[in-house]
């Protein structure tokens, strides 16, 4: 496989058509080698428009390239930003974020995935990411506030604890809802006591581990 051609095709045929047009994001996807963060058994799938399995659980996946790219574009990360990345997985999104931010704290509930992500980041020379084996639904208040919070998977709802850890002007991106209709959700903290929410696009994604599901029981 010609990896450079496959990467070019991924960007031009999957990512650009999904309205990812930010030149910085597109350039980053050319430089940060996605294949370096894909498990050896699935290397051939590195540039395919699908979620890639990472572990034994069905929700342990690497999100599809176009989804990762659009979340990154929506967050508009700046070089001075402190980032909280929830659901490290293989470490690929942490690597992308690290190239745009000052520092990334990445939380992964699965110890094996956390160790593998740390190894991937070290191998690829990313030095401004701290990977922590931890459940992410309550964030990392002691390390906040954060300018950017990213949830690498879907949740039924965004926990209030995470919103409280956004700095004023900070942005949180998540995929929220239930199949078959989930929405990419961007929440911006506008003051100490107010947030604005937009839902710019539809997308289904695997559930993030450790986030509670609201009760569906009704009288």
N, C-alpha and C. Protein backbone atom coordinates (compact mmCIF):
# COMPACT_ATOMS: atom_id res chain seq x y z
N UNK A 1 0.84 -1.20 0.00
CA UNK A 1 0.00 0.00 0.00
C UNK A 1 0.88 1.25 0.00
N UNK A 2 0.55 2.21 -0.88
CA UNK A 2 1.22 3.51 -0.87
C UNK A 2 0.56 4.36 0.21
N UNK A 3 1.22 4.46 1.37
CA UNK A 3 0.61 5.13 2.51
C UNK A 3 0.34 6.61 2.25
N UNK A 4 1.27 7.27 1.57
CA UNK A 4 1.08 8.69 1.29
C UNK A 4 -0.11 8.92 0.37
N UNK A 5 -0.28 8.05 -0.62
CA UNK A 5 -1.42 8.17 -1.51
C UNK A 5 -2.72 7.87 -0.76
N UNK A 6 -2.69 6.86 0.11
CA UNK A 6 -3.88 6.52 0.90
C UNK A 6 -4.25 7.67 1.82
N UNK A 7 -3.25 8.33 2.41
CA UNK A 7 -3.50 9.47 3.28
C UNK A 7 -4.10 10.63 2.48
N UNK A 8 -3.54 10.88 1.30
CA UNK A 8 -4.06 11.94 0.42
C UNK A 8 -5.52 11.65 0.05
N UNK A 9 -5.80 10.41 -0.31
CA UNK A 9 -7.17 10.03 -0.68
C UNK A 9 -8.13 10.21 0.50
N UNK A 10 -7.68 9.85 1.71
CA UNK A 10 -8.50 10.02 2.90
C UNK A 10 -8.88 11.50 3.08
N UNK A 11 -7.90 12.36 2.94
CA UNK A 11 -8.15 13.79 3.14
C UNK A 11 -9.07 14.34 2.05
N UNK A 12 -8.80 13.99 0.82
CA UNK A 12 -9.55 14.58 -0.30
C UNK A 12 -10.93 13.95 -0.51
N UNK A 13 -11.07 12.66 -0.20
CA UNK A 13 -12.33 11.97 -0.52
C UNK A 13 -13.25 11.80 0.69
N UNK A 14 -12.69 11.81 1.90
CA UNK A 14 -13.51 11.65 3.10
C UNK A 14 -13.65 12.94 3.89
N UNK A 15 -12.52 13.61 4.10
CA UNK A 15 -12.48 14.71 5.07
C UNK A 15 -12.93 16.03 4.46
N UNK A 16 -12.38 16.42 3.32
CA UNK A 16 -12.83 17.67 2.68
C UNK A 16 -14.33 17.67 2.38
N UNK A 17 -14.89 16.57 1.83
CA UNK A 17 -16.33 16.59 1.55
C UNK A 17 -17.20 16.72 2.80
N UNK A 18 -16.60 16.50 3.98
CA UNK A 18 -17.35 16.65 5.23
C UNK A 18 -17.16 18.05 5.81
N UNK A 19 -16.88 18.99 4.93
CA UNK A 19 -16.77 20.41 5.28
C UNK A 19 -15.63 20.71 6.25
N UNK A 20 -14.59 19.89 6.18
CA UNK A 20 -13.36 20.21 6.92
C UNK A 20 -12.44 20.92 5.93
N UNK A 21 -12.38 22.25 6.05
CA UNK A 21 -11.67 23.08 5.08
C UNK A 21 -10.58 23.93 5.73
N UNK A 22 -10.43 23.84 7.05
CA UNK A 22 -9.41 24.61 7.75
C UNK A 22 -8.03 24.13 7.29
N UNK A 23 -7.23 25.02 6.68
CA UNK A 23 -5.94 24.57 6.14
C UNK A 23 -5.00 24.02 7.20
N UNK A 24 -5.09 24.54 8.44
CA UNK A 24 -4.23 24.02 9.51
C UNK A 24 -4.59 22.59 9.87
N UNK A 25 -5.88 22.29 9.94
CA UNK A 25 -6.33 20.93 10.25
C UNK A 25 -5.92 19.98 9.13
N UNK A 26 -6.13 20.37 7.89
CA UNK A 26 -5.79 19.51 6.75
C UNK A 26 -4.29 19.26 6.70
N UNK A 27 -3.50 20.30 6.98
CA UNK A 27 -2.04 20.13 6.98
C UNK A 27 -1.61 19.18 8.10
N UNK A 28 -2.25 19.30 9.25
CA UNK A 28 -1.93 18.45 10.39
C UNK A 28 -2.20 16.98 10.07
N UNK A 29 -3.28 16.71 9.38
CA UNK A 29 -3.63 15.34 9.02
C UNK A 29 -2.65 14.74 8.02
N UNK A 30 -1.93 15.59 7.31
CA UNK A 30 -0.90 15.12 6.40
C UNK A 30 0.39 14.80 7.13
N UNK A 31 0.60 15.46 8.28
CA UNK A 31 1.88 15.36 8.99
C UNK A 31 1.84 14.31 10.11
N UNK A 32 0.74 14.29 10.90
CA UNK A 32 0.62 13.32 11.99
C UNK A 32 0.17 11.99 11.38
N UNK A 33 1.01 11.00 11.46
CA UNK A 33 0.81 9.75 10.71
C UNK A 33 -0.20 8.84 11.43
N UNK A 34 -1.40 8.82 10.89
CA UNK A 34 -2.49 8.06 11.49
C UNK A 34 -2.12 6.58 11.66
N UNK A 35 -1.40 6.04 10.69
CA UNK A 35 -1.06 4.61 10.71
C UNK A 35 -0.18 4.25 11.91
N UNK A 36 0.53 5.22 12.48
CA UNK A 36 1.38 4.97 13.64
C UNK A 36 0.56 4.75 14.92
N UNK A 37 -0.73 5.04 14.85
CA UNK A 37 -1.59 4.92 16.03
C UNK A 37 -2.66 3.83 15.87
N UNK A 38 -2.56 3.07 14.81
CA UNK A 38 -3.51 1.99 14.54
C UNK A 38 -2.88 0.66 14.96
N UNK A 39 -3.62 -0.22 15.66
CA UNK A 39 -3.06 -1.52 16.03
C UNK A 39 -2.57 -2.28 14.80
N UNK A 40 -1.48 -3.01 14.98
CA UNK A 40 -0.85 -3.72 13.87
C UNK A 40 -1.84 -4.58 13.10
N UNK A 41 -2.75 -5.22 13.80
CA UNK A 41 -3.72 -6.12 13.15
C UNK A 41 -4.67 -5.38 12.22
N UNK A 42 -4.78 -4.05 12.38
CA UNK A 42 -5.73 -3.28 11.58
C UNK A 42 -5.05 -2.20 10.75
N UNK A 43 -3.74 -2.32 10.51
CA UNK A 43 -3.00 -1.30 9.76
C UNK A 43 -3.65 -0.99 8.41
N UNK A 44 -4.17 -2.04 7.77
CA UNK A 44 -4.76 -1.85 6.44
C UNK A 44 -6.00 -0.96 6.47
N UNK A 45 -6.57 -0.78 7.66
CA UNK A 45 -7.78 0.03 7.80
C UNK A 45 -7.49 1.47 8.21
N UNK A 46 -6.21 1.84 8.29
CA UNK A 46 -5.83 3.13 8.87
C UNK A 46 -6.52 4.31 8.21
N UNK A 47 -6.78 4.24 6.91
CA UNK A 47 -7.33 5.38 6.19
C UNK A 47 -8.75 5.13 5.69
N UNK A 48 -9.39 4.08 6.20
CA UNK A 48 -10.74 3.73 5.77
C UNK A 48 -11.76 4.52 6.58
N UNK A 49 -12.88 4.84 5.96
CA UNK A 49 -13.95 5.63 6.60
C UNK A 49 -14.76 4.73 7.54
N UNK A 50 -14.17 4.42 8.70
CA UNK A 50 -14.84 3.54 9.67
C UNK A 50 -14.17 3.71 11.03
N UNK A 51 -14.86 3.23 12.08
CA UNK A 51 -14.25 3.14 13.40
C UNK A 51 -13.37 1.89 13.44
N UNK A 52 -12.16 2.03 13.99
CA UNK A 52 -11.20 0.93 14.03
C UNK A 52 -11.15 0.34 15.43
N UNK A 53 -11.33 -0.99 15.57
CA UNK A 53 -11.26 -1.62 16.90
C UNK A 53 -9.89 -1.43 17.54
N UNK A 54 -9.90 -1.15 18.85
CA UNK A 54 -8.65 -0.95 19.58
C UNK A 54 -8.45 -1.98 20.68
N UNK A 55 -9.55 -2.51 21.21
CA UNK A 55 -9.44 -3.43 22.34
C UNK A 55 -10.49 -4.51 22.26
N UNK A 56 -10.70 -5.18 23.38
CA UNK A 56 -11.63 -6.31 23.40
C UNK A 56 -13.09 -5.87 23.49
N UNK A 57 -13.33 -4.70 24.07
CA UNK A 57 -14.71 -4.22 24.22
C UNK A 57 -15.17 -3.57 22.90
N UNK A 58 -16.45 -3.72 22.55
CA UNK A 58 -16.92 -3.19 21.26
C UNK A 58 -16.85 -1.68 21.17
N UNK A 59 -16.85 -0.99 22.31
CA UNK A 59 -16.81 0.48 22.26
C UNK A 59 -15.39 1.04 22.33
N UNK A 60 -14.38 0.17 22.34
CA UNK A 60 -12.99 0.62 22.31
C UNK A 60 -12.57 0.77 20.86
N UNK A 61 -12.75 1.97 20.33
CA UNK A 61 -12.50 2.20 18.91
C UNK A 61 -11.78 3.53 18.69
N UNK A 62 -11.18 3.63 17.52
CA UNK A 62 -10.65 4.87 17.00
C UNK A 62 -11.73 5.44 16.09
N UNK A 63 -12.17 6.65 16.34
CA UNK A 63 -13.25 7.23 15.54
C UNK A 63 -12.84 7.37 14.08
N UNK A 64 -13.83 7.43 13.20
CA UNK A 64 -13.56 7.57 11.77
C UNK A 64 -12.79 8.86 11.50
N UNK A 65 -11.92 8.87 10.47
CA UNK A 65 -11.09 10.04 10.20
C UNK A 65 -11.88 11.33 10.03
N UNK A 66 -12.99 11.28 9.31
CA UNK A 66 -13.75 12.51 9.05
C UNK A 66 -14.36 13.07 10.34
N UNK A 67 -14.73 12.18 11.27
CA UNK A 67 -15.30 12.63 12.54
C UNK A 67 -14.22 13.30 13.38
N UNK A 68 -13.05 12.67 13.46
CA UNK A 68 -11.95 13.26 14.21
C UNK A 68 -11.56 14.63 13.64
N UNK A 69 -11.49 14.71 12.32
CA UNK A 69 -11.08 15.95 11.68
C UNK A 69 -12.09 17.07 11.94
N UNK A 70 -13.36 16.75 11.88
CA UNK A 70 -14.35 17.81 12.05
C UNK A 70 -14.44 18.27 13.51
N UNK A 71 -14.30 17.34 14.44
CA UNK A 71 -14.25 17.74 15.85
C UNK A 71 -13.07 18.68 16.09
N UNK A 72 -11.93 18.34 15.51
CA UNK A 72 -10.74 19.18 15.67
C UNK A 72 -10.97 20.57 15.08
N UNK A 73 -11.59 20.63 13.92
CA UNK A 73 -11.88 21.92 13.29
C UNK A 73 -12.84 22.75 14.15
N UNK A 74 -13.87 22.12 14.67
CA UNK A 74 -14.87 22.83 15.48
C UNK A 74 -14.25 23.44 16.75
N UNK A 75 -13.26 22.76 17.32
CA UNK A 75 -12.67 23.22 18.58
C UNK A 75 -11.73 24.41 18.42
N UNK A 76 -11.23 24.63 17.21
CA UNK A 76 -10.37 25.79 16.92
C UNK A 76 -9.29 25.98 17.99
N UNK A 77 -8.48 24.95 18.18
CA UNK A 77 -7.47 24.94 19.25
C UNK A 77 -6.37 25.95 18.95
N UNK A 78 -5.93 26.65 20.01
CA UNK A 78 -4.87 27.65 19.89
C UNK A 78 -3.62 27.20 20.64
N UNK A 79 -2.49 27.75 20.26
CA UNK A 79 -1.19 27.34 20.82
C UNK A 79 -1.10 27.56 22.33
N UNK A 80 -1.93 28.44 22.87
CA UNK A 80 -1.90 28.72 24.31
C UNK A 80 -2.88 27.85 25.10
N UNK A 81 -3.66 27.00 24.40
CA UNK A 81 -4.74 26.26 25.06
C UNK A 81 -4.24 25.10 25.90
N UNK A 82 -4.92 24.91 27.04
CA UNK A 82 -4.76 23.71 27.87
C UNK A 82 -5.95 22.81 27.57
N UNK A 83 -5.67 21.55 27.22
CA UNK A 83 -6.70 20.66 26.69
C UNK A 83 -6.90 19.45 27.60
N UNK A 84 -8.16 19.08 27.79
CA UNK A 84 -8.52 17.81 28.43
C UNK A 84 -9.13 16.91 27.36
N UNK A 85 -8.48 15.78 27.12
CA UNK A 85 -8.87 14.82 26.08
C UNK A 85 -9.39 13.57 26.79
N UNK A 86 -10.66 13.24 26.62
CA UNK A 86 -11.27 12.13 27.35
C UNK A 86 -11.52 10.95 26.42
N UNK A 87 -10.93 9.81 26.77
CA UNK A 87 -11.01 8.63 25.92
C UNK A 87 -9.82 8.59 24.98
N UNK A 88 -8.62 8.41 25.54
CA UNK A 88 -7.38 8.49 24.76
C UNK A 88 -7.36 7.53 23.59
N UNK A 89 -7.83 6.30 23.83
CA UNK A 89 -7.78 5.28 22.77
C UNK A 89 -6.35 5.01 22.37
N UNK A 90 -6.05 5.18 21.07
CA UNK A 90 -4.71 4.91 20.56
C UNK A 90 -3.77 6.09 20.75
N UNK A 91 -4.33 7.26 21.11
CA UNK A 91 -3.51 8.46 21.28
C UNK A 91 -3.48 9.37 20.06
N UNK A 92 -4.18 9.00 18.99
CA UNK A 92 -4.10 9.79 17.75
C UNK A 92 -4.70 11.19 17.93
N UNK A 93 -5.88 11.29 18.54
CA UNK A 93 -6.47 12.61 18.73
C UNK A 93 -5.62 13.45 19.68
N UNK A 94 -5.06 12.81 20.70
CA UNK A 94 -4.17 13.54 21.61
C UNK A 94 -2.98 14.11 20.85
N UNK A 95 -2.46 13.35 19.89
CA UNK A 95 -1.32 13.82 19.09
C UNK A 95 -1.73 15.01 18.22
N UNK A 96 -2.91 14.93 17.61
CA UNK A 96 -3.39 16.05 16.80
C UNK A 96 -3.58 17.30 17.66
N UNK A 97 -4.23 17.13 18.81
CA UNK A 97 -4.45 18.25 19.72
C UNK A 97 -3.14 18.85 20.20
N UNK A 98 -2.18 17.97 20.50
CA UNK A 98 -0.89 18.43 21.03
C UNK A 98 -0.15 19.31 20.04
N UNK A 99 -0.34 19.05 18.76
CA UNK A 99 0.31 19.87 17.74
C UNK A 99 -0.27 21.27 17.65
N UNK A 100 -1.46 21.46 18.21
CA UNK A 100 -2.11 22.77 18.16
C UNK A 100 -2.12 23.48 19.50
N UNK A 101 -1.92 22.75 20.60
CA UNK A 101 -2.14 23.28 21.95
C UNK A 101 -0.83 23.41 22.73
N UNK A 102 -0.93 24.02 23.92
CA UNK A 102 0.23 24.10 24.81
C UNK A 102 0.46 22.76 25.50
N UNK A 103 -0.62 22.17 26.04
CA UNK A 103 -0.50 20.89 26.74
C UNK A 103 -1.83 20.14 26.69
N UNK A 104 -1.74 18.82 26.63
CA UNK A 104 -2.92 17.97 26.62
C UNK A 104 -2.84 16.98 27.77
N UNK A 105 -3.90 16.93 28.59
CA UNK A 105 -4.07 15.87 29.58
C UNK A 105 -5.10 14.91 29.00
N UNK A 106 -4.72 13.66 28.82
CA UNK A 106 -5.59 12.68 28.17
C UNK A 106 -5.92 11.56 29.14
N UNK A 107 -7.22 11.32 29.34
CA UNK A 107 -7.69 10.32 30.30
C UNK A 107 -8.21 9.08 29.56
N UNK A 108 -7.75 7.91 30.00
CA UNK A 108 -8.19 6.63 29.39
C UNK A 108 -8.53 5.65 30.49
N UNK A 109 -9.76 5.13 30.47
CA UNK A 109 -10.25 4.25 31.52
C UNK A 109 -9.60 2.86 31.46
N UNK A 110 -9.17 2.44 30.27
CA UNK A 110 -8.58 1.11 30.09
C UNK A 110 -7.06 1.21 30.23
N UNK A 111 -6.50 0.49 31.21
CA UNK A 111 -5.07 0.61 31.51
C UNK A 111 -4.21 0.17 30.33
N UNK A 112 -4.61 -0.89 29.62
CA UNK A 112 -3.83 -1.37 28.48
C UNK A 112 -3.79 -0.34 27.36
N UNK A 113 -4.95 0.27 27.08
CA UNK A 113 -5.00 1.29 26.04
C UNK A 113 -4.18 2.51 26.44
N UNK A 114 -4.24 2.89 27.72
CA UNK A 114 -3.47 4.04 28.19
C UNK A 114 -1.98 3.81 27.98
N UNK A 115 -1.52 2.61 28.30
CA UNK A 115 -0.10 2.28 28.14
C UNK A 115 0.30 2.28 26.67
N UNK A 116 -0.57 1.73 25.82
CA UNK A 116 -0.27 1.69 24.38
C UNK A 116 -0.26 3.09 23.79
N UNK A 117 -1.22 3.93 24.21
CA UNK A 117 -1.25 5.31 23.72
C UNK A 117 0.02 6.06 24.12
N UNK A 118 0.44 5.87 25.38
CA UNK A 118 1.67 6.51 25.84
C UNK A 118 2.85 6.08 24.99
N UNK A 119 2.92 4.78 24.67
CA UNK A 119 4.01 4.28 23.83
C UNK A 119 3.94 4.87 22.43
N UNK A 120 2.73 4.96 21.86
CA UNK A 120 2.57 5.54 20.52
C UNK A 120 3.02 6.99 20.48
N UNK A 121 2.65 7.75 21.50
CA UNK A 121 3.01 9.17 21.55
C UNK A 121 4.52 9.35 21.71
N UNK A 122 5.13 8.51 22.53
CA UNK A 122 6.58 8.59 22.70
C UNK A 122 7.31 8.25 21.41
N UNK A 123 6.83 7.20 20.73
CA UNK A 123 7.47 6.77 19.48
C UNK A 123 7.40 7.84 18.41
N UNK A 124 6.33 8.61 18.43
CA UNK A 124 6.15 9.63 17.39
C UNK A 124 6.64 11.01 17.82
N UNK A 125 7.28 11.08 18.99
CA UNK A 125 7.94 12.30 19.41
C UNK A 125 7.02 13.38 19.97
N UNK A 126 5.81 12.99 20.41
CA UNK A 126 4.89 13.96 21.00
C UNK A 126 5.20 14.05 22.49
N UNK A 127 5.62 15.22 22.95
CA UNK A 127 6.10 15.35 24.33
C UNK A 127 5.19 16.18 25.23
N UNK A 128 4.17 16.82 24.68
CA UNK A 128 3.32 17.70 25.51
C UNK A 128 1.95 17.09 25.79
N UNK A 129 1.91 15.75 25.91
CA UNK A 129 0.70 15.03 26.30
C UNK A 129 1.00 14.22 27.55
N UNK A 130 0.12 14.32 28.54
CA UNK A 130 0.17 13.45 29.71
C UNK A 130 -1.00 12.49 29.62
N UNK A 131 -0.69 11.19 29.54
CA UNK A 131 -1.75 10.17 29.50
C UNK A 131 -1.94 9.65 30.92
N UNK A 132 -3.19 9.62 31.35
CA UNK A 132 -3.50 9.17 32.70
C UNK A 132 -4.57 8.07 32.62
N UNK A 133 -4.31 6.95 33.28
CA UNK A 133 -5.29 5.88 33.35
C UNK A 133 -6.35 6.30 34.38
N UNK A 134 -7.47 6.79 33.89
CA UNK A 134 -8.52 7.32 34.77
C UNK A 134 -9.85 7.34 34.04
N UNK A 135 -10.90 7.24 34.81
CA UNK A 135 -12.27 7.36 34.27
C UNK A 135 -12.55 8.85 34.05
N UNK A 136 -13.10 9.18 32.88
CA UNK A 136 -13.12 10.58 32.46
C UNK A 136 -14.40 11.35 32.65
N UNK A 137 -15.46 10.72 33.13
CA UNK A 137 -16.76 11.41 33.14
C UNK A 137 -16.78 12.61 34.09
N UNK A 138 -15.92 12.59 35.12
CA UNK A 138 -15.86 13.71 36.04
C UNK A 138 -14.67 14.64 35.76
N UNK A 139 -13.98 14.35 34.66
CA UNK A 139 -12.88 15.21 34.25
C UNK A 139 -11.69 15.15 35.17
N UNK A 140 -11.01 16.30 35.34
CA UNK A 140 -9.81 16.38 36.17
C UNK A 140 -9.78 17.78 36.78
N UNK A 141 -10.68 18.02 37.72
CA UNK A 141 -10.88 19.37 38.26
C UNK A 141 -9.60 19.97 38.83
N UNK A 142 -8.78 19.13 39.46
CA UNK A 142 -7.55 19.64 40.08
C UNK A 142 -6.56 20.17 39.05
N UNK A 143 -6.72 19.75 37.80
CA UNK A 143 -5.80 20.17 36.73
C UNK A 143 -6.38 21.30 35.88
N UNK A 144 -7.64 21.65 36.11
CA UNK A 144 -8.30 22.66 35.31
C UNK A 144 -8.03 24.07 35.81
N UNK A 145 -8.72 25.07 35.23
CA UNK A 145 -9.71 24.91 34.17
C UNK A 145 -9.03 24.67 32.81
N UNK A 146 -9.84 24.18 31.84
CA UNK A 146 -9.33 23.84 30.53
C UNK A 146 -9.93 24.76 29.47
N UNK A 147 -9.13 25.07 28.47
CA UNK A 147 -9.62 25.87 27.34
C UNK A 147 -10.38 25.01 26.34
N UNK A 148 -10.04 23.73 26.30
CA UNK A 148 -10.67 22.79 25.37
C UNK A 148 -10.89 21.46 26.10
N UNK A 149 -12.08 20.89 25.94
CA UNK A 149 -12.37 19.54 26.41
C UNK A 149 -12.97 18.77 25.24
N UNK A 150 -12.42 17.60 24.95
CA UNK A 150 -12.91 16.75 23.86
C UNK A 150 -13.29 15.39 24.40
N UNK A 151 -14.49 14.93 24.04
CA UNK A 151 -14.94 13.57 24.36
C UNK A 151 -14.82 12.73 23.10
N UNK A 152 -13.98 11.71 23.13
CA UNK A 152 -13.71 10.88 21.96
C UNK A 152 -14.69 9.72 21.86
N UNK A 153 -15.94 10.04 21.69
CA UNK A 153 -16.99 9.04 21.61
C UNK A 153 -18.31 9.69 21.98
N UNK A 154 -19.36 8.90 21.99
CA UNK A 154 -20.68 9.47 22.26
C UNK A 154 -21.08 9.29 23.72
N UNK A 155 -21.93 10.20 24.18
CA UNK A 155 -22.50 10.15 25.52
C UNK A 155 -23.98 10.49 25.43
N UNK A 156 -24.76 10.00 26.40
CA UNK A 156 -26.18 10.33 26.42
C UNK A 156 -26.38 11.80 26.75
N UNK A 157 -25.52 12.33 27.63
CA UNK A 157 -25.55 13.74 27.99
C UNK A 157 -24.18 14.13 28.53
N UNK A 158 -23.85 15.41 28.43
CA UNK A 158 -22.56 15.89 28.92
C UNK A 158 -22.67 16.16 30.42
N UNK A 159 -21.82 15.53 31.24
CA UNK A 159 -21.88 15.75 32.69
C UNK A 159 -21.64 17.22 33.06
N UNK A 160 -22.39 17.70 34.03
CA UNK A 160 -22.24 19.08 34.49
C UNK A 160 -20.83 19.34 35.01
N UNK A 161 -20.22 18.31 35.60
CA UNK A 161 -18.86 18.47 36.15
C UNK A 161 -17.86 18.90 35.08
N UNK A 162 -18.04 18.42 33.86
CA UNK A 162 -17.13 18.79 32.78
C UNK A 162 -17.33 20.24 32.36
N UNK A 163 -18.58 20.68 32.32
CA UNK A 163 -18.86 22.07 31.95
C UNK A 163 -18.23 23.03 32.95
N UNK A 164 -18.23 22.65 34.23
CA UNK A 164 -17.66 23.51 35.26
C UNK A 164 -16.13 23.62 35.13
N UNK A 165 -15.52 22.68 34.41
CA UNK A 165 -14.06 22.69 34.27
C UNK A 165 -13.58 23.47 33.04
N UNK A 166 -14.53 24.02 32.27
CA UNK A 166 -14.16 24.89 31.16
C UNK A 166 -13.80 26.28 31.67
N UNK A 167 -12.73 26.83 31.15
CA UNK A 167 -12.41 28.23 31.40
C UNK A 167 -13.43 29.09 30.65
N UNK A 168 -13.61 30.32 31.06
CA UNK A 168 -14.47 31.23 30.30
C UNK A 168 -13.86 31.40 28.91
N UNK A 169 -14.67 31.20 27.90
CA UNK A 169 -14.18 31.18 26.53
C UNK A 169 -13.79 29.79 26.06
N UNK A 170 -13.79 28.81 26.97
CA UNK A 170 -13.42 27.43 26.64
C UNK A 170 -14.50 26.72 25.87
N UNK A 171 -14.09 25.69 25.11
CA UNK A 171 -15.00 24.93 24.25
C UNK A 171 -14.95 23.45 24.59
N UNK A 172 -16.11 22.82 24.63
CA UNK A 172 -16.22 21.37 24.81
C UNK A 172 -16.91 20.79 23.59
N UNK A 173 -16.35 19.72 23.04
CA UNK A 173 -16.97 19.03 21.90
C UNK A 173 -17.26 17.59 22.28
N UNK A 174 -18.46 17.14 21.93
CA UNK A 174 -18.88 15.76 22.21
C UNK A 174 -19.91 15.36 21.17
N UNK A 175 -20.13 14.06 21.07
CA UNK A 175 -21.22 13.52 20.25
C UNK A 175 -22.28 13.05 21.23
N UNK A 176 -23.46 13.65 21.15
CA UNK A 176 -24.47 13.48 22.20
C UNK A 176 -25.76 12.92 21.63
N UNK A 177 -26.35 11.97 22.38
CA UNK A 177 -27.64 11.43 21.99
C UNK A 177 -27.64 9.93 21.91
N UNK A 178 -28.64 9.39 21.25
CA UNK A 178 -28.81 7.94 21.11
C UNK A 178 -29.00 7.60 19.65
N UNK A 179 -28.56 6.38 19.27
CA UNK A 179 -28.81 5.93 17.91
C UNK A 179 -30.32 5.85 17.67
N UNK A 180 -30.79 6.14 16.46
CA UNK A 180 -29.99 6.39 15.26
C UNK A 180 -29.64 7.85 15.02
N UNK A 181 -29.92 8.74 15.96
CA UNK A 181 -29.69 10.16 15.72
C UNK A 181 -28.90 10.79 16.85
N UNK A 182 -27.61 10.93 16.64
CA UNK A 182 -26.76 11.66 17.58
C UNK A 182 -26.33 12.96 16.91
N UNK A 183 -25.92 13.94 17.74
CA UNK A 183 -25.50 15.23 17.21
C UNK A 183 -24.13 15.60 17.77
N UNK A 184 -23.26 16.08 16.88
CA UNK A 184 -22.04 16.72 17.36
C UNK A 184 -22.46 17.97 18.11
N UNK A 185 -21.95 18.14 19.32
CA UNK A 185 -22.38 19.22 20.19
C UNK A 185 -21.17 20.03 20.64
N UNK A 186 -21.23 21.34 20.42
CA UNK A 186 -20.14 22.24 20.81
C UNK A 186 -20.68 23.20 21.86
N UNK A 187 -20.10 23.15 23.05
CA UNK A 187 -20.54 23.99 24.17
C UNK A 187 -19.42 24.96 24.51
N UNK A 188 -19.76 26.25 24.55
CA UNK A 188 -18.78 27.30 24.87
C UNK A 188 -19.18 27.99 26.16
N UNK A 189 -18.23 28.12 27.07
CA UNK A 189 -18.52 28.84 28.32
C UNK A 189 -18.37 30.34 28.07
N UNK A 190 -19.44 31.08 28.25
CA UNK A 190 -19.43 32.50 27.95
C UNK A 190 -19.22 33.39 29.18
N UNK A 191 -19.46 32.83 30.37
CA UNK A 191 -19.22 33.56 31.63
C UNK A 191 -19.13 32.53 32.74
N UNK A 192 -18.98 32.99 33.98
CA UNK A 192 -18.91 32.07 35.11
C UNK A 192 -20.17 31.21 35.23
N UNK A 193 -21.30 31.72 34.76
CA UNK A 193 -22.57 31.03 34.98
C UNK A 193 -23.37 30.77 33.69
N UNK A 194 -22.73 30.91 32.53
CA UNK A 194 -23.50 30.70 31.30
C UNK A 194 -22.67 30.01 30.22
N UNK A 195 -23.37 29.23 29.42
CA UNK A 195 -22.77 28.46 28.33
C UNK A 195 -23.68 28.59 27.11
N UNK A 196 -23.12 28.51 25.93
CA UNK A 196 -23.93 28.43 24.71
C UNK A 196 -23.66 27.09 24.04
N UNK A 197 -24.68 26.55 23.39
CA UNK A 197 -24.59 25.23 22.77
C UNK A 197 -25.02 25.30 21.32
N UNK A 198 -24.23 24.69 20.43
CA UNK A 198 -24.64 24.50 19.05
C UNK A 198 -24.51 23.02 18.71
N UNK A 199 -25.27 22.58 17.72
CA UNK A 199 -25.25 21.18 17.27
C UNK A 199 -25.05 21.18 15.76
N UNK A 200 -23.81 21.36 15.31
CA UNK A 200 -23.58 21.66 13.90
C UNK A 200 -23.75 20.51 12.91
N UNK A 201 -23.70 19.26 13.36
CA UNK A 201 -23.80 18.16 12.40
C UNK A 201 -24.23 16.87 13.08
N UNK A 202 -24.74 15.94 12.27
CA UNK A 202 -25.18 14.62 12.74
C UNK A 202 -24.02 13.63 12.68
N UNK A 203 -23.99 12.72 13.63
CA UNK A 203 -22.95 11.69 13.62
C UNK A 203 -23.25 10.65 14.68
N UNK A 204 -23.19 9.37 14.33
CA UNK A 204 -23.26 8.30 15.32
C UNK A 204 -21.84 7.85 15.65
N UNK A 205 -21.62 7.50 16.92
CA UNK A 205 -20.29 7.05 17.35
C UNK A 205 -20.45 6.10 18.52
N UNK A 206 -19.42 5.27 18.72
CA UNK A 206 -19.41 4.33 19.84
C UNK A 206 -19.46 5.08 21.16
N UNK A 207 -20.09 4.46 22.16
CA UNK A 207 -20.20 5.06 23.48
C UNK A 207 -18.84 5.14 24.18
N UNK A 208 -18.64 6.23 24.93
CA UNK A 208 -17.49 6.33 25.82
C UNK A 208 -17.75 5.55 27.10
N UNK A 209 -16.77 4.80 27.55
CA UNK A 209 -16.91 4.04 28.79
C UNK A 209 -16.90 4.97 29.99
N UNK A 210 -17.69 4.60 31.03
CA UNK A 210 -17.65 5.31 32.29
C UNK A 210 -18.68 6.41 32.43
N UNK A 211 -19.42 6.71 31.38
CA UNK A 211 -20.44 7.75 31.43
C UNK A 211 -21.79 7.10 31.69
N UNK A 212 -22.54 7.63 32.64
CA UNK A 212 -23.81 7.01 33.02
C UNK A 212 -24.88 7.28 31.96
N UNK A 213 -25.77 6.31 31.85
CA UNK A 213 -26.93 6.45 30.96
C UNK A 213 -28.12 6.89 31.81
N UNK A 214 -28.85 7.93 31.42
CA UNK A 214 -30.03 8.34 32.19
C UNK A 214 -31.10 7.26 32.15
N UNK A 215 -31.87 7.17 33.21
CA UNK A 215 -32.93 6.17 33.28
C UNK A 215 -33.98 6.42 32.21
N UNK A 216 -34.40 5.34 31.55
CA UNK A 216 -35.44 5.45 30.51
C UNK A 216 -36.82 5.11 31.08
N UNK A 217 -36.86 4.78 32.39
CA UNK A 217 -38.13 4.35 32.98
C UNK A 217 -39.09 5.53 33.10
N UNK A 218 -40.33 5.29 32.68
CA UNK A 218 -41.36 6.31 32.80
C UNK A 218 -42.64 5.68 33.30
N UNK A 219 -43.39 6.41 34.14
CA UNK A 219 -44.70 5.92 34.59
C UNK A 219 -45.70 6.08 33.45
